N, C-alpha and C. Protein backbone atom coordinates (compact mmCIF):
# COMPACT_ATOMS: atom_id res chain seq x y z
N MET A 1 20.52 115.62 165.42
CA MET A 1 20.14 116.34 164.23
C MET A 1 20.79 117.72 164.19
N LEU A 2 20.84 118.35 165.37
CA LEU A 2 21.45 119.68 165.43
C LEU A 2 22.93 119.62 165.11
N LEU A 3 23.60 118.56 165.57
CA LEU A 3 25.02 118.40 165.29
C LEU A 3 25.26 118.24 163.79
N ILE A 4 24.39 117.52 163.11
CA ILE A 4 24.52 117.34 161.66
C ILE A 4 24.35 118.66 160.94
N LEU A 5 23.38 119.46 161.37
CA LEU A 5 23.19 120.77 160.74
C LEU A 5 24.35 121.71 161.02
N ALA A 6 24.94 121.63 162.19
CA ALA A 6 26.10 122.46 162.51
C ALA A 6 27.29 122.09 161.62
N TYR A 7 27.52 120.78 161.45
CA TYR A 7 28.62 120.36 160.58
C TYR A 7 28.35 120.73 159.13
N ALA A 8 27.11 120.63 158.70
CA ALA A 8 26.78 120.99 157.32
C ALA A 8 26.99 122.49 157.09
N GLY A 9 26.63 123.31 158.07
CA GLY A 9 26.85 124.74 157.94
C GLY A 9 28.31 125.12 157.95
N ALA A 10 29.10 124.41 158.76
CA ALA A 10 30.53 124.72 158.85
C ALA A 10 31.29 124.26 157.60
N SER A 11 30.80 123.23 156.96
CA SER A 11 31.52 122.70 155.79
C SER A 11 30.75 122.96 154.50
N LEU A 12 30.14 124.11 154.40
CA LEU A 12 29.40 124.44 153.19
C LEU A 12 30.29 124.47 151.94
N PRO A 13 31.52 124.99 152.01
CA PRO A 13 32.38 124.91 150.82
C PRO A 13 32.65 123.47 150.37
N LEU A 14 32.75 122.56 151.33
CA LEU A 14 32.97 121.16 150.99
C LEU A 14 31.75 120.59 150.28
N LEU A 15 30.56 120.92 150.74
CA LEU A 15 29.34 120.44 150.09
C LEU A 15 29.23 121.01 148.67
N LEU A 16 29.63 122.26 148.50
CA LEU A 16 29.64 122.84 147.16
C LEU A 16 30.64 122.14 146.26
N LEU A 17 31.76 121.72 146.82
CA LEU A 17 32.76 120.99 146.04
C LEU A 17 32.19 119.68 145.53
N PHE A 18 31.42 119.00 146.38
CA PHE A 18 30.80 117.75 145.96
C PHE A 18 29.80 117.98 144.82
N THR A 19 29.01 119.02 144.93
CA THR A 19 27.97 119.24 143.92
C THR A 19 28.55 119.77 142.61
N LEU A 20 29.63 120.53 142.68
CA LEU A 20 30.19 121.13 141.47
C LEU A 20 31.39 120.35 140.92
N SER A 21 31.61 119.14 141.39
CA SER A 21 32.79 118.38 140.97
C SER A 21 32.73 117.94 139.52
N GLY A 22 31.58 117.96 138.92
CA GLY A 22 31.46 117.57 137.52
C GLY A 22 31.56 116.07 137.36
N GLY A 23 32.39 115.63 136.42
CA GLY A 23 32.51 114.21 136.16
C GLY A 23 33.69 113.57 136.86
N GLU A 24 34.22 114.23 137.86
CA GLU A 24 35.38 113.69 138.57
C GLU A 24 34.99 112.43 139.34
N PRO A 25 35.81 111.38 139.24
CA PRO A 25 35.48 110.14 139.97
C PRO A 25 35.48 110.35 141.48
N LEU A 26 34.69 109.54 142.17
CA LEU A 26 34.54 109.67 143.61
C LEU A 26 35.86 109.38 144.33
N GLY A 27 36.65 108.43 143.84
CA GLY A 27 37.93 108.11 144.47
C GLY A 27 38.90 109.28 144.45
N VAL A 28 38.93 110.03 143.37
CA VAL A 28 39.80 111.20 143.27
C VAL A 28 39.27 112.31 144.18
N LEU A 29 37.96 112.47 144.21
CA LEU A 29 37.36 113.52 145.01
C LEU A 29 37.58 113.30 146.50
N ILE A 30 37.49 112.05 146.94
CA ILE A 30 37.66 111.74 148.36
C ILE A 30 39.11 111.93 148.81
N ASN A 31 40.06 111.72 147.92
CA ASN A 31 41.48 111.81 148.29
C ASN A 31 42.02 113.24 148.29
N ARG A 32 41.20 114.23 148.11
CA ARG A 32 41.68 115.60 148.16
C ARG A 32 41.99 116.01 149.60
N GLU A 33 42.89 116.98 149.74
CA GLU A 33 43.29 117.43 151.07
C GLU A 33 42.14 118.10 151.82
N MET A 34 41.30 118.82 151.13
CA MET A 34 40.19 119.51 151.78
C MET A 34 39.22 118.48 152.38
N ILE A 35 38.99 117.38 151.68
CA ILE A 35 38.11 116.34 152.19
C ILE A 35 38.71 115.69 153.43
N ALA A 36 40.00 115.40 153.38
CA ALA A 36 40.67 114.77 154.53
C ALA A 36 40.63 115.69 155.74
N ASN A 37 40.84 116.98 155.53
CA ASN A 37 40.77 117.93 156.65
C ASN A 37 39.39 117.95 157.28
N GLU A 38 38.35 117.92 156.48
CA GLU A 38 37.00 117.95 157.01
C GLU A 38 36.65 116.66 157.76
N VAL A 39 37.13 115.53 157.25
CA VAL A 39 36.86 114.25 157.92
C VAL A 39 37.56 114.22 159.28
N VAL A 40 38.81 114.65 159.33
CA VAL A 40 39.55 114.66 160.59
C VAL A 40 38.91 115.66 161.56
N ARG A 41 38.51 116.83 161.08
CA ARG A 41 37.87 117.82 161.94
C ARG A 41 36.55 117.28 162.50
N THR A 42 35.78 116.58 161.68
CA THR A 42 34.52 116.02 162.15
C THR A 42 34.75 114.94 163.19
N LEU A 43 35.72 114.06 162.96
CA LEU A 43 36.00 112.99 163.92
C LEU A 43 36.50 113.54 165.26
N VAL A 44 37.40 114.49 165.21
CA VAL A 44 37.95 115.06 166.44
C VAL A 44 36.86 115.82 167.20
N GLY A 45 36.04 116.57 166.51
CA GLY A 45 34.96 117.29 167.17
C GLY A 45 33.95 116.35 167.80
N SER A 46 33.63 115.27 167.10
CA SER A 46 32.68 114.29 167.67
C SER A 46 33.26 113.59 168.88
N LEU A 47 34.53 113.23 168.82
CA LEU A 47 35.15 112.58 169.98
C LEU A 47 35.21 113.53 171.17
N GLY A 48 35.46 114.80 170.91
CA GLY A 48 35.47 115.78 172.00
C GLY A 48 34.10 115.93 172.64
N LEU A 49 33.06 115.97 171.82
CA LEU A 49 31.71 116.08 172.37
C LEU A 49 31.29 114.83 173.12
N ILE A 50 31.65 113.68 172.59
CA ILE A 50 31.27 112.41 173.23
C ILE A 50 32.02 112.23 174.55
N SER A 51 33.28 112.63 174.60
CA SER A 51 34.06 112.42 175.83
C SER A 51 33.84 113.52 176.87
N ALA A 52 33.24 114.63 176.49
CA ALA A 52 33.04 115.73 177.45
C ALA A 52 32.09 115.34 178.57
N VAL A 53 31.06 114.60 178.28
CA VAL A 53 30.07 114.24 179.30
C VAL A 53 30.65 113.30 180.35
N PRO A 54 31.30 112.19 179.99
CA PRO A 54 31.85 111.32 181.05
C PRO A 54 32.97 111.99 181.85
N VAL A 55 33.79 112.78 181.19
CA VAL A 55 34.90 113.44 181.91
C VAL A 55 34.33 114.45 182.90
N THR A 56 33.36 115.24 182.50
CA THR A 56 32.76 116.22 183.39
C THR A 56 32.06 115.54 184.56
N THR A 57 31.34 114.46 184.28
CA THR A 57 30.65 113.73 185.34
C THR A 57 31.64 113.16 186.35
N THR A 58 32.74 112.62 185.87
CA THR A 58 33.75 112.06 186.76
C THR A 58 34.38 113.15 187.63
N LEU A 59 34.69 114.28 187.04
CA LEU A 59 35.28 115.38 187.82
C LEU A 59 34.31 115.89 188.89
N VAL A 60 33.06 116.06 188.54
CA VAL A 60 32.09 116.55 189.51
C VAL A 60 31.89 115.54 190.63
N ALA A 61 31.80 114.26 190.28
CA ALA A 61 31.61 113.23 191.32
C ALA A 61 32.82 113.15 192.24
N THR A 62 34.01 113.34 191.71
CA THR A 62 35.22 113.27 192.51
C THR A 62 35.32 114.46 193.48
N PHE A 63 35.11 115.65 192.96
CA PHE A 63 35.31 116.84 193.79
C PHE A 63 34.12 117.17 194.67
N SER A 64 32.93 116.78 194.29
CA SER A 64 31.77 117.13 195.12
C SER A 64 31.76 116.31 196.40
N GLY A 65 32.29 115.10 196.40
CA GLY A 65 32.35 114.30 197.62
C GLY A 65 33.23 114.94 198.67
N SER A 66 34.40 115.42 198.28
CA SER A 66 35.31 116.03 199.27
C SER A 66 34.79 117.39 199.72
N ILE A 67 34.15 118.14 198.85
CA ILE A 67 33.60 119.43 199.24
C ILE A 67 32.45 119.24 200.20
N ASN A 68 31.58 118.28 199.94
CA ASN A 68 30.44 118.04 200.83
C ASN A 68 30.91 117.60 202.21
N GLN A 69 31.93 116.77 202.29
CA GLN A 69 32.43 116.34 203.59
C GLN A 69 32.99 117.51 204.38
N HIS A 70 33.64 118.43 203.72
CA HIS A 70 34.18 119.62 204.39
C HIS A 70 33.06 120.46 204.99
N TYR A 71 32.02 120.72 204.22
CA TYR A 71 30.92 121.53 204.72
C TYR A 71 30.09 120.81 205.76
N LEU A 72 29.92 119.51 205.61
CA LEU A 72 29.14 118.75 206.61
C LEU A 72 29.86 118.73 207.96
N SER A 73 31.17 118.63 207.95
CA SER A 73 31.90 118.60 209.23
C SER A 73 31.79 119.93 209.96
N SER A 74 31.69 121.03 209.25
CA SER A 74 31.55 122.33 209.91
C SER A 74 30.14 122.52 210.46
N TYR A 75 29.14 121.90 209.86
CA TYR A 75 27.76 122.03 210.36
C TYR A 75 27.42 121.05 211.48
N ARG A 76 28.19 120.02 211.67
CA ARG A 76 27.90 119.05 212.72
C ARG A 76 28.04 119.66 214.11
N ASN A 77 28.92 120.61 214.29
CA ASN A 77 29.15 121.22 215.59
C ASN A 77 28.30 122.47 215.81
N PHE A 78 27.45 122.80 214.87
CA PHE A 78 26.63 124.00 214.98
C PHE A 78 25.37 123.69 215.78
N ASN A 79 25.05 124.54 216.76
CA ASN A 79 23.85 124.37 217.58
C ASN A 79 22.70 125.14 216.94
N PHE A 80 21.80 124.42 216.31
CA PHE A 80 20.64 125.06 215.69
C PHE A 80 19.65 125.47 216.76
N PRO A 81 18.91 126.57 216.57
CA PRO A 81 17.90 127.00 217.56
C PRO A 81 16.75 125.99 217.58
N PRO A 82 16.14 125.81 218.73
CA PRO A 82 15.04 124.85 218.82
C PRO A 82 13.83 125.34 218.04
N THR A 83 13.11 124.39 217.50
CA THR A 83 11.89 124.73 216.76
C THR A 83 10.69 124.58 217.66
N CYS A 84 9.60 125.23 217.33
CA CYS A 84 8.39 125.18 218.16
C CYS A 84 7.72 123.85 218.14
């Protein structure tokens, strides 16, 4: 819902164009350059948001394994003080 409101706020001139178009047919209105720009911007933004989560998860899973092994190997040789 928040994403829809963000897109509506960003494309307020486009929404005004739809409401003030008068008697212009829908086919002519959709084929305008401003409409095409907004559609492409919306699709690219949505794809970026959708792909950000899997890409970030993959990067973290890849790099956290090697980092953890490095730190674990340094702690294996450490002599911890005895507990009571």
